[in-house]
Amino acid sequence: NPLAGKFLEAAIRYNMKDTKTSALIWKEETKKFLALANLDNYTETDLKVLRTGIILSAQMLQKKDGNSTEACNLLNKASEWFGNQKEFYSYYDKVMNRCGKQ
């Protein structure tokens, strides 16, 4: 699934100082991601790449913006599918404090 790797690419590009491309990817792909109803067509590999990309993108977005608004938008949506997975939950709960959700 093409969307799966986009958040990973954006985080890598931002880390490599390609901020224009990373910002464009986040802008375009976040809209698509937030509109997703399910991940039924995603393979196990797609899901792992998407989860990792969301976590890394959230870290970079928080660093970039100095706040967690954009990062939390991604993480809150991703928590629908990844909230019970250790790797995701560890970051979402312990580092981001569930973005203020109870």
Protein backbone atom coordinates (compact mmCIF):
# COMPACT_ATOMS: atom_id res chain seq x y z
CA ASN A 1 0.00 0.00 0.00
CA PRO A 2 1.58 3.30 -1.08
CA LEU A 3 0.44 5.25 1.98
CA ALA A 4 2.22 2.86 4.35
CA GLY A 5 5.71 4.11 3.58
CA LYS A 6 4.98 7.81 3.16
CA PHE A 7 5.20 8.71 6.85
CA LEU A 8 8.48 6.86 7.16
CA GLU A 9 9.78 8.72 4.09
CA ALA A 10 8.67 12.08 5.51
CA ALA A 11 10.44 11.45 8.83
CA ILE A 12 13.63 10.40 7.06
CA ARG A 13 13.54 13.41 4.73
CA TYR A 14 12.98 15.78 7.66
CA ASN A 15 15.90 14.23 9.52
CA MET A 16 18.04 14.74 6.39
CA LYS A 17 17.09 18.46 6.40
CA ASP A 18 14.75 18.13 3.38
CA THR A 19 12.04 20.06 5.19
CA LYS A 20 10.13 21.18 2.09
CA THR A 21 9.55 17.65 0.86
CA SER A 22 8.76 16.28 4.30
CA ALA A 23 6.22 19.07 4.94
CA LEU A 24 4.55 18.39 1.60
CA ILE A 25 4.35 14.65 2.31
CA TRP A 26 2.88 15.24 5.78
CA LYS A 27 0.33 17.70 4.42
CA GLU A 28 -0.88 15.41 1.64
CA GLU A 29 -0.64 12.05 3.35
CA THR A 30 -2.08 13.12 6.70
CA LYS A 31 -5.35 14.04 4.96
CA LYS A 32 -5.48 10.59 3.36
CA PHE A 33 -4.59 8.83 6.61
CA LEU A 34 -7.15 10.69 8.69
CA ALA A 35 -9.85 9.77 6.15
CA LEU A 36 -9.12 6.03 6.33
CA ALA A 37 -11.96 3.90 7.62
CA ASN A 38 -9.97 0.69 7.92
CA LEU A 39 -6.70 -1.00 7.10
CA ASP A 40 -8.20 -4.15 5.58
CA ASN A 41 -6.10 -3.96 2.40
CA TYR A 42 -2.81 -3.55 4.26
CA THR A 43 -0.38 -6.45 4.48
CA GLU A 44 1.44 -7.26 7.72
CA THR A 45 4.52 -5.49 6.32
CA ASP A 46 2.44 -2.44 5.35
CA LEU A 47 1.08 -2.25 8.89
CA LYS A 48 4.55 -2.44 10.45
CA VAL A 49 5.91 0.24 8.12
CA LEU A 50 2.88 2.46 8.72
CA ARG A 51 3.13 2.10 12.51
CA THR A 52 6.85 2.87 12.50
CA GLY A 53 6.36 5.79 10.11
CA ILE A 54 3.60 7.27 12.27
CA ILE A 55 5.76 7.09 15.40
CA LEU A 56 8.82 8.59 13.68
CA SER A 57 6.72 11.26 11.97
CA ALA A 58 5.13 12.19 15.29
CA GLN A 59 8.59 12.60 16.79
CA MET A 60 9.75 14.79 13.89
CA LEU A 61 6.53 16.83 13.83
CA GLN A 62 6.83 17.54 17.52
CA LYS A 63 10.45 18.57 17.02
CA LYS A 64 9.56 20.71 13.99
CA ASP A 65 6.56 22.48 15.49
CA GLY A 66 7.57 22.63 19.12
CA ASN A 67 4.12 21.31 20.03
CA SER A 68 2.24 18.07 19.64
CA THR A 69 -0.88 19.10 17.70
CA GLU A 70 -0.01 17.56 14.32
CA ALA A 71 1.71 14.62 15.97
CA CYS A 72 -1.35 13.93 18.10
CA ASN A 73 -3.66 14.08 15.09
CA LEU A 74 -1.71 11.19 13.58
CA LEU A 75 -1.29 9.29 16.83
CA ASN A 76 -4.94 9.55 17.85
CA LYS A 77 -6.08 8.14 14.51
CA ALA A 78 -3.39 5.43 14.55
CA SER A 79 -4.41 4.41 18.07
CA GLU A 80 -7.61 2.97 16.54
CA TRP A 81 -5.50 0.25 14.94
CA PHE A 82 -2.22 0.15 16.84
CA GLY A 83 -3.23 1.15 20.36
CA ASN A 84 -2.89 -2.38 21.70
CA GLN A 85 0.54 -3.01 20.17
CA LYS A 86 3.48 -2.67 22.55
CA GLU A 87 5.70 -0.57 20.26
CA PHE A 88 2.96 1.94 19.53
CA TYR A 89 1.40 2.00 22.99
CA SER A 90 4.74 2.55 24.65
CA TYR A 91 5.31 5.77 22.69
CA TYR A 92 1.68 6.94 22.64
CA ASP A 93 1.06 6.36 26.33
CA LYS A 94 4.38 6.99 28.03
CA VAL A 95 5.92 9.71 25.86
CA MET A 96 2.84 11.46 24.48
CA ASN A 97 0.54 10.78 27.46
CA ARG A 98 -2.13 9.59 25.00
CA CYS A 99 -2.27 13.13 23.62
CA GLY A 100 -4.52 14.12 26.49
CA LYS A 101 -7.13 11.42 25.80
CA GLN A 102 -8.47 9.38 28.68
